Amino acid sequence: MRRIWETIQDIPRGCVANYGQIAEIAGIPRGARQVGYALRHAPEGLALPWHRVIQSSGKSAFDQNSRAFKIQRERLAEEGVVMLNGRVDIKKYRWEPDLDELLWKPTSTWDEN
């Protein structure tokens, strides 16, 4: 789960990534469901930018009447990401890390113990 959490931490402000993309970057091919599991089981103090993770279609994974959906929409709006009818324009806001970003990202702040 740690690799998934680290990958989610790397999503820049103003960008989104989908569950499958996170899994692929974390080295877990076909692991989109594992990303959802990792998000649900993340320690509270981790402060993951979970709101930047959406479905591959650009839709939120949350029901539009839910509190989580409203929080996600508000947080994305604060970062300049527009959500219309529960959907983000994935072509416009998708995180596309280049090889340098993936290889030379800042040193992890995770506790090794």
Protein backbone atom coordinates (compact mmCIF):
# COMPACT_ATOMS: atom_id res chain seq x y z
CA MET A 1 0.00 0.00 0.00
CA ARG A 2 2.91 2.27 0.68
CA ARG A 3 3.83 2.55 -3.03
CA ILE A 4 0.24 3.49 -3.81
CA TRP A 5 0.20 6.16 -1.09
CA GLU A 6 3.53 7.56 -2.30
CA THR A 7 2.22 7.74 -5.86
CA ILE A 8 -0.94 9.56 -4.75
CA GLN A 9 1.23 12.01 -2.78
CA ASP A 10 3.09 12.79 -6.03
CA ILE A 11 -0.01 13.94 -7.95
CA PRO A 12 0.55 17.69 -8.36
CA ARG A 13 -1.99 20.35 -7.41
CA GLY A 14 -4.34 21.06 -10.29
CA CYS A 15 -4.02 17.55 -11.72
CA VAL A 16 -5.95 14.31 -11.37
CA ALA A 17 -5.09 10.66 -11.88
CA ASN A 18 -7.28 7.61 -12.22
CA TYR A 19 -7.11 4.45 -10.16
CA GLY A 20 -5.50 2.36 -12.91
CA GLN A 21 -2.92 5.03 -13.64
CA ILE A 22 -1.92 5.17 -9.96
CA ALA A 23 -1.59 1.38 -9.87
CA GLU A 24 0.53 1.33 -13.02
CA ILE A 25 2.90 4.04 -11.76
CA ALA A 26 3.14 2.25 -8.40
CA GLY A 27 4.21 -0.91 -10.23
CA ILE A 28 0.97 -2.82 -9.70
CA PRO A 29 -0.43 -3.55 -13.18
CA ARG A 30 -4.19 -4.10 -13.23
CA GLY A 31 -4.31 -2.96 -9.62
CA ALA A 32 -7.00 -0.27 -9.78
CA ARG A 33 -9.05 -2.01 -7.09
CA GLN A 34 -6.01 -2.14 -4.84
CA VAL A 35 -5.74 1.64 -5.13
CA GLY A 36 -9.31 1.99 -3.87
CA TYR A 37 -8.52 -0.39 -1.02
CA ALA A 38 -5.36 1.55 -0.13
CA LEU A 39 -7.28 4.82 -0.09
CA ARG A 40 -9.95 3.40 2.22
CA HIS A 41 -7.32 2.05 4.59
CA ALA A 42 -4.88 4.95 4.65
CA PRO A 43 -3.88 6.16 8.12
CA GLU A 44 -5.70 9.39 8.99
CA GLY A 45 -2.49 11.30 9.66
CA LEU A 46 -1.19 10.59 6.16
CA ALA A 47 -3.08 13.55 4.64
CA LEU A 48 -3.30 12.05 1.16
CA PRO A 49 -4.64 14.26 -1.64
CA TRP A 50 -7.35 11.63 -2.25
CA HIS A 51 -9.51 14.18 -4.01
CA ARG A 52 -7.15 14.05 -7.02
CA VAL A 53 -8.00 10.39 -7.69
CA ILE A 54 -10.93 9.81 -10.06
CA GLN A 55 -12.30 7.13 -12.35
CA SER A 56 -10.78 6.64 -15.81
CA SER A 57 -13.88 8.23 -17.33
CA GLY A 58 -13.19 11.43 -15.40
CA LYS A 59 -16.08 10.83 -13.01
CA SER A 60 -15.85 10.95 -9.27
CA ALA A 61 -16.11 7.57 -7.57
CA PHE A 62 -18.56 9.09 -5.10
CA ASP A 63 -22.30 9.59 -5.39
CA GLN A 64 -23.07 13.21 -6.28
CA ASN A 65 -25.24 13.57 -3.18
CA SER A 66 -22.53 12.36 -0.80
CA ARG A 67 -20.41 14.45 1.53
CA ALA A 68 -17.22 12.95 0.02
CA PHE A 69 -18.26 14.08 -3.47
CA LYS A 70 -18.87 17.63 -2.26
CA ILE A 71 -15.50 17.74 -0.50
CA GLN A 72 -13.77 16.36 -3.58
CA ARG A 73 -15.43 18.90 -5.87
CA GLU A 74 -14.54 21.78 -3.52
CA ARG A 75 -10.92 20.73 -3.12
CA LEU A 76 -10.45 20.27 -6.86
CA ALA A 77 -12.05 23.68 -7.49
CA GLU A 78 -9.60 25.27 -5.02
CA GLU A 79 -6.81 23.85 -7.21
CA GLY A 80 -8.38 25.14 -10.42
CA VAL A 81 -9.78 21.79 -11.57
CA VAL A 82 -13.28 22.18 -12.96
CA MET A 83 -15.83 19.44 -12.33
CA LEU A 84 -19.01 19.60 -14.41
CA ASN A 85 -21.85 17.16 -13.81
CA GLY A 86 -19.60 15.09 -11.56
CA ARG A 87 -16.91 14.78 -14.21
CA VAL A 88 -13.44 16.22 -14.76
CA ASP A 89 -12.09 16.82 -18.27
CA ILE A 90 -9.47 14.08 -18.10
CA LYS A 91 -7.69 15.31 -21.24
CA LYS A 92 -7.18 18.72 -19.68
CA TYR A 93 -6.32 17.82 -16.06
CA ARG A 94 -4.76 14.35 -16.22
CA TRP A 95 -1.39 14.04 -14.53
CA GLU A 96 1.17 13.00 -17.13
CA PRO A 97 4.46 12.51 -15.28
CA ASP A 98 7.51 12.32 -17.50
CA LEU A 99 10.29 9.83 -16.92
CA ASP A 100 12.46 12.34 -15.02
CA GLU A 101 9.60 13.08 -12.62
CA LEU A 102 9.08 9.39 -11.95
CA LEU A 103 12.78 8.61 -11.51
CA TRP A 104 14.02 11.71 -9.68
CA LYS A 105 11.07 12.71 -7.55
CA PRO A 106 11.94 14.27 -4.21
CA THR A 107 13.16 11.88 -1.55
CA SER A 108 10.31 10.18 0.23
CA THR A 109 9.44 11.43 3.71
CA TRP A 110 8.09 8.03 4.77
CA ASP A 111 9.25 6.57 8.05
CA GLU A 112 11.28 3.46 7.23
CA ASN A 113 10.39 1.68 10.49
